[in-house]
Amino acid sequence: MRVLYVDDEPDIREIADIALSLDSTFQVRTASSGAQALSIMAEWSPDVALFDVMMPEMDGPSLLSHVRQIERFASLPVIFVTARAQRNDMQNFATLDAVGVIAKPFDPMTLAQRVRAFL
């Protein structure tokens, strides 16, 4: 399963990459921005994507909007990852055509399982 993780924080990207790679069936790629994610997706099709909600220039919801305009990704399962984990925020993010929301900080040991649970 191809997993794309997008986050502007290099440490979190690295932890997520390692955590998701604990599942031997996951092929993981990471991106540091929405623009880089779109560039990666132009040549590599993920089966699921995790987008950080708060990123400069193009935040997670904006990235999701761009992705939905690309026909082959119209139904790509997207999970938001956010430090804004208040109940209101979580409900709002869940209405943005994402399959789920994972709060930061996430548990690296269970991240891959949580991704699978949303699928």
N, C-alpha and C. Protein backbone atom coordinates (compact mmCIF):
# COMPACT_ATOMS: atom_id res chain seq x y z
N MET A 1 0.84 -1.17 0.00
CA MET A 1 0.00 0.00 0.00
C MET A 1 0.89 1.24 0.00
N ARG A 2 0.61 2.15 -0.89
CA ARG A 2 1.40 3.38 -1.00
C ARG A 2 0.80 4.47 -0.10
N VAL A 3 1.63 5.01 0.78
CA VAL A 3 1.20 6.02 1.74
C VAL A 3 2.01 7.29 1.55
N LEU A 4 1.31 8.41 1.40
CA LEU A 4 1.96 9.72 1.30
C LEU A 4 1.68 10.49 2.58
N TYR A 5 2.74 10.95 3.24
CA TYR A 5 2.61 11.75 4.46
C TYR A 5 3.14 13.15 4.17
N VAL A 6 2.31 14.17 4.40
CA VAL A 6 2.67 15.55 4.09
C VAL A 6 2.66 16.38 5.37
N ASP A 7 3.81 16.97 5.69
CA ASP A 7 3.93 17.79 6.91
C ASP A 7 5.12 18.72 6.73
N ASP A 8 4.98 19.96 7.16
CA ASP A 8 6.07 20.93 7.00
C ASP A 8 7.15 20.80 8.07
N GLU A 9 6.89 20.03 9.12
CA GLU A 9 7.86 19.84 10.20
C GLU A 9 8.74 18.63 9.91
N PRO A 10 10.06 18.83 9.68
CA PRO A 10 10.93 17.71 9.31
C PRO A 10 10.99 16.60 10.36
N ASP A 11 11.00 16.94 11.63
CA ASP A 11 11.07 15.91 12.67
C ASP A 11 9.82 15.03 12.67
N ILE A 12 8.68 15.65 12.52
CA ILE A 12 7.42 14.89 12.50
C ILE A 12 7.36 14.02 11.25
N ARG A 13 7.80 14.56 10.11
CA ARG A 13 7.84 13.76 8.88
C ARG A 13 8.70 12.52 9.07
N GLU A 14 9.86 12.70 9.69
CA GLU A 14 10.77 11.57 9.89
C GLU A 14 10.15 10.52 10.82
N ILE A 15 9.55 10.98 11.90
CA ILE A 15 8.90 10.05 12.83
C ILE A 15 7.76 9.31 12.13
N ALA A 16 6.95 10.04 11.37
CA ALA A 16 5.84 9.42 10.66
C ALA A 16 6.35 8.40 9.64
N ASP A 17 7.41 8.74 8.93
CA ASP A 17 7.99 7.82 7.95
C ASP A 17 8.42 6.52 8.62
N ILE A 18 9.13 6.64 9.72
CA ILE A 18 9.58 5.46 10.46
C ILE A 18 8.39 4.68 11.00
N ALA A 19 7.43 5.40 11.59
CA ALA A 19 6.26 4.75 12.20
C ALA A 19 5.42 4.01 11.16
N LEU A 20 5.18 4.64 10.03
CA LEU A 20 4.37 4.00 8.99
C LEU A 20 5.12 2.83 8.36
N SER A 21 6.43 2.93 8.30
CA SER A 21 7.25 1.86 7.72
C SER A 21 7.31 0.62 8.61
N LEU A 22 6.82 0.73 9.84
CA LEU A 22 6.73 -0.45 10.71
C LEU A 22 5.78 -1.48 10.12
N ASP A 23 4.85 -1.02 9.31
CA ASP A 23 3.96 -1.94 8.58
C ASP A 23 4.67 -2.29 7.28
N SER A 24 5.08 -3.52 7.16
CA SER A 24 5.91 -3.93 6.01
C SER A 24 5.16 -3.85 4.68
N THR A 25 3.85 -3.72 4.71
CA THR A 25 3.10 -3.60 3.46
C THR A 25 2.97 -2.15 3.00
N PHE A 26 3.43 -1.20 3.80
CA PHE A 26 3.36 0.21 3.43
C PHE A 26 4.63 0.64 2.69
N GLN A 27 4.45 1.30 1.57
CA GLN A 27 5.54 2.00 0.87
C GLN A 27 5.29 3.47 1.16
N VAL A 28 6.20 4.11 1.87
CA VAL A 28 5.97 5.46 2.36
C VAL A 28 6.81 6.48 1.60
N ARG A 29 6.17 7.58 1.24
CA ARG A 29 6.86 8.76 0.74
C ARG A 29 6.37 9.94 1.55
N THR A 30 7.25 10.92 1.71
CA THR A 30 6.88 12.11 2.47
C THR A 30 7.09 13.35 1.63
N ALA A 31 6.35 14.39 2.00
CA ALA A 31 6.48 15.69 1.34
C ALA A 31 6.46 16.77 2.41
N SER A 32 7.18 17.86 2.16
CA SER A 32 7.29 18.94 3.13
C SER A 32 6.29 20.07 2.88
N SER A 33 5.53 19.97 1.80
CA SER A 33 4.57 21.03 1.47
C SER A 33 3.49 20.46 0.55
N GLY A 34 2.42 21.24 0.42
CA GLY A 34 1.37 20.84 -0.51
C GLY A 34 1.87 20.79 -1.94
N ALA A 35 2.68 21.77 -2.32
CA ALA A 35 3.23 21.80 -3.68
C ALA A 35 4.10 20.58 -3.95
N GLN A 36 4.93 20.22 -2.97
CA GLN A 36 5.77 19.03 -3.15
C GLN A 36 4.92 17.77 -3.23
N ALA A 37 3.86 17.71 -2.44
CA ALA A 37 2.96 16.55 -2.48
C ALA A 37 2.33 16.41 -3.86
N LEU A 38 1.87 17.51 -4.43
CA LEU A 38 1.27 17.46 -5.77
C LEU A 38 2.29 17.03 -6.82
N SER A 39 3.53 17.46 -6.65
CA SER A 39 4.60 17.06 -7.56
C SER A 39 4.85 15.56 -7.46
N ILE A 40 4.91 15.05 -6.26
CA ILE A 40 5.10 13.60 -6.06
C ILE A 40 3.93 12.83 -6.66
N MET A 41 2.72 13.33 -6.45
CA MET A 41 1.52 12.63 -6.92
C MET A 41 1.40 12.64 -8.44
N ALA A 42 2.11 13.54 -9.10
CA ALA A 42 2.09 13.58 -10.55
C ALA A 42 2.74 12.33 -11.15
N GLU A 43 3.67 11.72 -10.40
CA GLU A 43 4.36 10.54 -10.92
C GLU A 43 4.23 9.30 -10.05
N TRP A 44 3.61 9.42 -8.88
CA TRP A 44 3.48 8.30 -7.93
C TRP A 44 2.09 8.38 -7.32
N SER A 45 1.32 7.33 -7.46
CA SER A 45 -0.07 7.36 -6.98
C SER A 45 -0.21 6.69 -5.62
N PRO A 46 -0.44 7.47 -4.58
CA PRO A 46 -0.64 6.87 -3.26
C PRO A 46 -2.01 6.20 -3.18
N ASP A 47 -2.12 5.24 -2.27
CA ASP A 47 -3.40 4.59 -1.98
C ASP A 47 -4.11 5.30 -0.84
N VAL A 48 -3.35 6.03 -0.05
CA VAL A 48 -3.88 6.82 1.06
C VAL A 48 -2.90 7.97 1.32
N ALA A 49 -3.43 9.10 1.79
CA ALA A 49 -2.56 10.24 2.08
C ALA A 49 -2.92 10.82 3.44
N LEU A 50 -1.89 11.27 4.14
CA LEU A 50 -2.06 11.97 5.42
C LEU A 50 -1.55 13.38 5.23
N PHE A 51 -2.42 14.36 5.50
CA PHE A 51 -2.08 15.77 5.31
C PHE A 51 -2.10 16.49 6.65
N ASP A 52 -1.00 17.17 6.97
CA ASP A 52 -0.99 18.06 8.12
C ASP A 52 -1.98 19.18 7.82
N VAL A 53 -2.76 19.57 8.82
CA VAL A 53 -3.76 20.61 8.60
C VAL A 53 -3.11 21.98 8.47
N MET A 54 -2.17 22.30 9.37
CA MET A 54 -1.60 23.65 9.39
C MET A 54 -0.21 23.65 8.78
N MET A 55 -0.14 24.10 7.52
CA MET A 55 1.13 24.25 6.82
C MET A 55 1.13 25.61 6.15
N PRO A 56 2.30 26.22 5.98
CA PRO A 56 2.35 27.51 5.28
C PRO A 56 2.04 27.34 3.79
N GLU A 57 1.59 28.39 3.18
CA GLU A 57 1.29 28.48 1.75
C GLU A 57 0.07 27.66 1.35
N MET A 58 0.09 26.35 1.53
CA MET A 58 -1.05 25.51 1.20
C MET A 58 -1.30 24.57 2.38
N ASP A 59 -2.37 24.83 3.13
CA ASP A 59 -2.66 23.99 4.28
C ASP A 59 -3.31 22.68 3.83
N GLY A 60 -3.53 21.78 4.77
CA GLY A 60 -4.10 20.47 4.43
C GLY A 60 -5.44 20.54 3.73
N PRO A 61 -6.41 21.33 4.24
CA PRO A 61 -7.70 21.43 3.53
C PRO A 61 -7.56 21.98 2.11
N SER A 62 -6.67 22.94 1.90
CA SER A 62 -6.44 23.47 0.54
C SER A 62 -5.81 22.41 -0.36
N LEU A 63 -4.87 21.66 0.20
CA LEU A 63 -4.25 20.57 -0.56
C LEU A 63 -5.31 19.54 -0.95
N LEU A 64 -6.17 19.20 -0.02
CA LEU A 64 -7.23 18.24 -0.32
C LEU A 64 -8.12 18.76 -1.45
N SER A 65 -8.43 20.03 -1.43
CA SER A 65 -9.24 20.62 -2.49
C SER A 65 -8.54 20.49 -3.85
N HIS A 66 -7.25 20.75 -3.90
CA HIS A 66 -6.48 20.59 -5.14
C HIS A 66 -6.48 19.13 -5.60
N VAL A 67 -6.27 18.23 -4.66
CA VAL A 67 -6.20 16.80 -4.98
C VAL A 67 -7.54 16.31 -5.56
N ARG A 68 -8.64 16.78 -5.01
CA ARG A 68 -9.97 16.35 -5.47
C ARG A 68 -10.25 16.81 -6.90
N GLN A 69 -9.54 17.81 -7.38
CA GLN A 69 -9.72 18.29 -8.75
C GLN A 69 -8.99 17.41 -9.77
N ILE A 70 -8.14 16.51 -9.29
CA ILE A 70 -7.41 15.59 -10.16
C ILE A 70 -8.23 14.30 -10.24
N GLU A 71 -8.70 13.98 -11.42
CA GLU A 71 -9.66 12.88 -11.59
C GLU A 71 -9.22 11.57 -10.92
N ARG A 72 -7.98 11.19 -11.08
CA ARG A 72 -7.56 9.89 -10.53
C ARG A 72 -7.46 9.90 -9.01
N PHE A 73 -7.52 11.08 -8.39
CA PHE A 73 -7.48 11.16 -6.93
C PHE A 73 -8.80 11.64 -6.33
N ALA A 74 -9.85 11.63 -7.13
CA ALA A 74 -11.15 12.12 -6.67
C ALA A 74 -11.66 11.35 -5.45
N SER A 75 -11.27 10.09 -5.34
CA SER A 75 -11.74 9.30 -4.19
C SER A 75 -10.59 8.79 -3.32
N LEU A 76 -9.42 9.42 -3.44
CA LEU A 76 -8.28 9.03 -2.61
C LEU A 76 -8.62 9.22 -1.13
N PRO A 77 -8.44 8.19 -0.31
CA PRO A 77 -8.67 8.36 1.12
C PRO A 77 -7.60 9.29 1.71
N VAL A 78 -8.06 10.36 2.36
CA VAL A 78 -7.18 11.33 2.97
C VAL A 78 -7.49 11.41 4.46
N ILE A 79 -6.44 11.42 5.26
CA ILE A 79 -6.55 11.54 6.71
C ILE A 79 -5.83 12.82 7.11
N PHE A 80 -6.51 13.68 7.85
CA PHE A 80 -5.87 14.88 8.36
C PHE A 80 -5.11 14.55 9.63
N VAL A 81 -3.96 15.19 9.80
CA VAL A 81 -3.16 15.07 11.02
C VAL A 81 -3.05 16.49 11.57
N THR A 82 -3.40 16.66 12.84
CA THR A 82 -3.44 18.02 13.36
C THR A 82 -3.14 18.11 14.85
N ALA A 83 -2.51 19.21 15.22
CA ALA A 83 -2.31 19.52 16.64
C ALA A 83 -3.54 20.23 17.19
N ARG A 84 -4.42 20.68 16.31
CA ARG A 84 -5.67 21.33 16.73
C ARG A 84 -6.71 20.23 16.97
N ALA A 85 -6.62 19.64 18.13
CA ALA A 85 -7.42 18.45 18.41
C ALA A 85 -8.60 18.69 19.33
N GLN A 86 -9.10 19.93 19.37
CA GLN A 86 -10.32 20.19 20.14
C GLN A 86 -11.49 19.51 19.43
N ARG A 87 -12.50 19.16 20.18
CA ARG A 87 -13.64 18.44 19.61
C ARG A 87 -14.24 19.20 18.41
N ASN A 88 -14.44 20.51 18.54
CA ASN A 88 -14.98 21.31 17.43
C ASN A 88 -14.12 21.19 16.18
N ASP A 89 -12.80 21.34 16.38
CA ASP A 89 -11.86 21.26 15.25
C ASP A 89 -11.95 19.90 14.59
N MET A 90 -11.93 18.85 15.39
CA MET A 90 -11.96 17.48 14.85
C MET A 90 -13.23 17.26 14.02
N GLN A 91 -14.36 17.75 14.51
CA GLN A 91 -15.61 17.59 13.77
C GLN A 91 -15.58 18.38 12.47
N ASN A 92 -15.04 19.60 12.52
CA ASN A 92 -14.95 20.41 11.30
C ASN A 92 -14.06 19.75 10.26
N PHE A 93 -12.90 19.24 10.67
CA PHE A 93 -12.00 18.59 9.72
C PHE A 93 -12.64 17.34 9.12
N ALA A 94 -13.41 16.64 9.93
CA ALA A 94 -14.06 15.42 9.45
C ALA A 94 -15.10 15.71 8.38
N THR A 95 -15.60 16.94 8.31
CA THR A 95 -16.60 17.27 7.28
C THR A 95 -15.96 17.71 5.97
N LEU A 96 -14.65 17.77 5.90
CA LEU A 96 -13.95 18.26 4.71
C LEU A 96 -13.58 17.16 3.73
N ASP A 97 -14.35 16.09 3.67
CA ASP A 97 -14.13 15.02 2.72
C ASP A 97 -12.90 14.17 3.04
N ALA A 98 -12.52 14.15 4.30
CA ALA A 98 -11.43 13.27 4.74
C ALA A 98 -12.06 12.04 5.39
N VAL A 99 -11.34 10.93 5.35
CA VAL A 99 -11.87 9.71 5.97
C VAL A 99 -11.64 9.69 7.48
N GLY A 100 -10.77 10.59 7.96
CA GLY A 100 -10.53 10.64 9.40
C GLY A 100 -9.56 11.73 9.79
N VAL A 101 -9.35 11.84 11.08
CA VAL A 101 -8.46 12.83 11.66
C VAL A 101 -7.64 12.15 12.75
N ILE A 102 -6.34 12.39 12.73
CA ILE A 102 -5.44 11.88 13.76
C ILE A 102 -4.83 13.08 14.48
N ALA A 103 -4.93 13.07 15.79
CA ALA A 103 -4.41 14.18 16.59
C ALA A 103 -2.90 14.04 16.79
N LYS A 104 -2.22 15.18 16.77
CA LYS A 104 -0.80 15.24 17.14
C LYS A 104 -0.73 15.62 18.60
N PRO A 105 0.20 15.14 19.34
CA PRO A 105 1.19 14.15 18.90
C PRO A 105 0.55 12.76 18.80
N PHE A 106 0.90 12.04 17.77
CA PHE A 106 0.38 10.69 17.60
C PHE A 106 1.37 9.70 18.20
N ASP A 107 0.89 8.51 18.47
CA ASP A 107 1.74 7.44 18.99
C ASP A 107 2.39 6.74 17.80
N PRO A 108 3.70 6.86 17.64
CA PRO A 108 4.36 6.23 16.49
C PRO A 108 4.15 4.72 16.41
N MET A 109 4.00 4.09 17.55
CA MET A 109 3.84 2.63 17.55
C MET A 109 2.48 2.18 17.01
N THR A 110 1.50 3.07 17.01
CA THR A 110 0.16 2.68 16.53
C THR A 110 -0.29 3.45 15.30
N LEU A 111 0.56 4.32 14.75
CA LEU A 111 0.15 5.14 13.62
C LEU A 111 -0.28 4.29 12.42
N ALA A 112 0.49 3.30 12.06
CA ALA A 112 0.14 2.46 10.91
C ALA A 112 -1.20 1.75 11.15
N GLN A 113 -1.42 1.29 12.36
CA GLN A 113 -2.70 0.62 12.68
C GLN A 113 -3.86 1.60 12.55
N ARG A 114 -3.65 2.83 13.00
CA ARG A 114 -4.72 3.82 12.93
C ARG A 114 -5.05 4.16 11.49
N VAL A 115 -4.03 4.24 10.64
CA VAL A 115 -4.26 4.49 9.21
C VAL A 115 -5.09 3.35 8.64
N ARG A 116 -4.70 2.13 8.92
CA ARG A 116 -5.45 0.95 8.42
C ARG A 116 -6.90 0.97 8.91
N ALA A 117 -7.11 1.40 10.15
CA ALA A 117 -8.47 1.42 10.72
C ALA A 117 -9.38 2.38 9.95
N PHE A 118 -8.82 3.47 9.43
CA PHE A 118 -9.63 4.41 8.65
C PHE A 118 -9.96 3.89 7.27
N LEU A 119 -9.21 2.90 6.82
CA LEU A 119 -9.45 2.36 5.49
C LEU A 119 -10.40 1.19 5.54
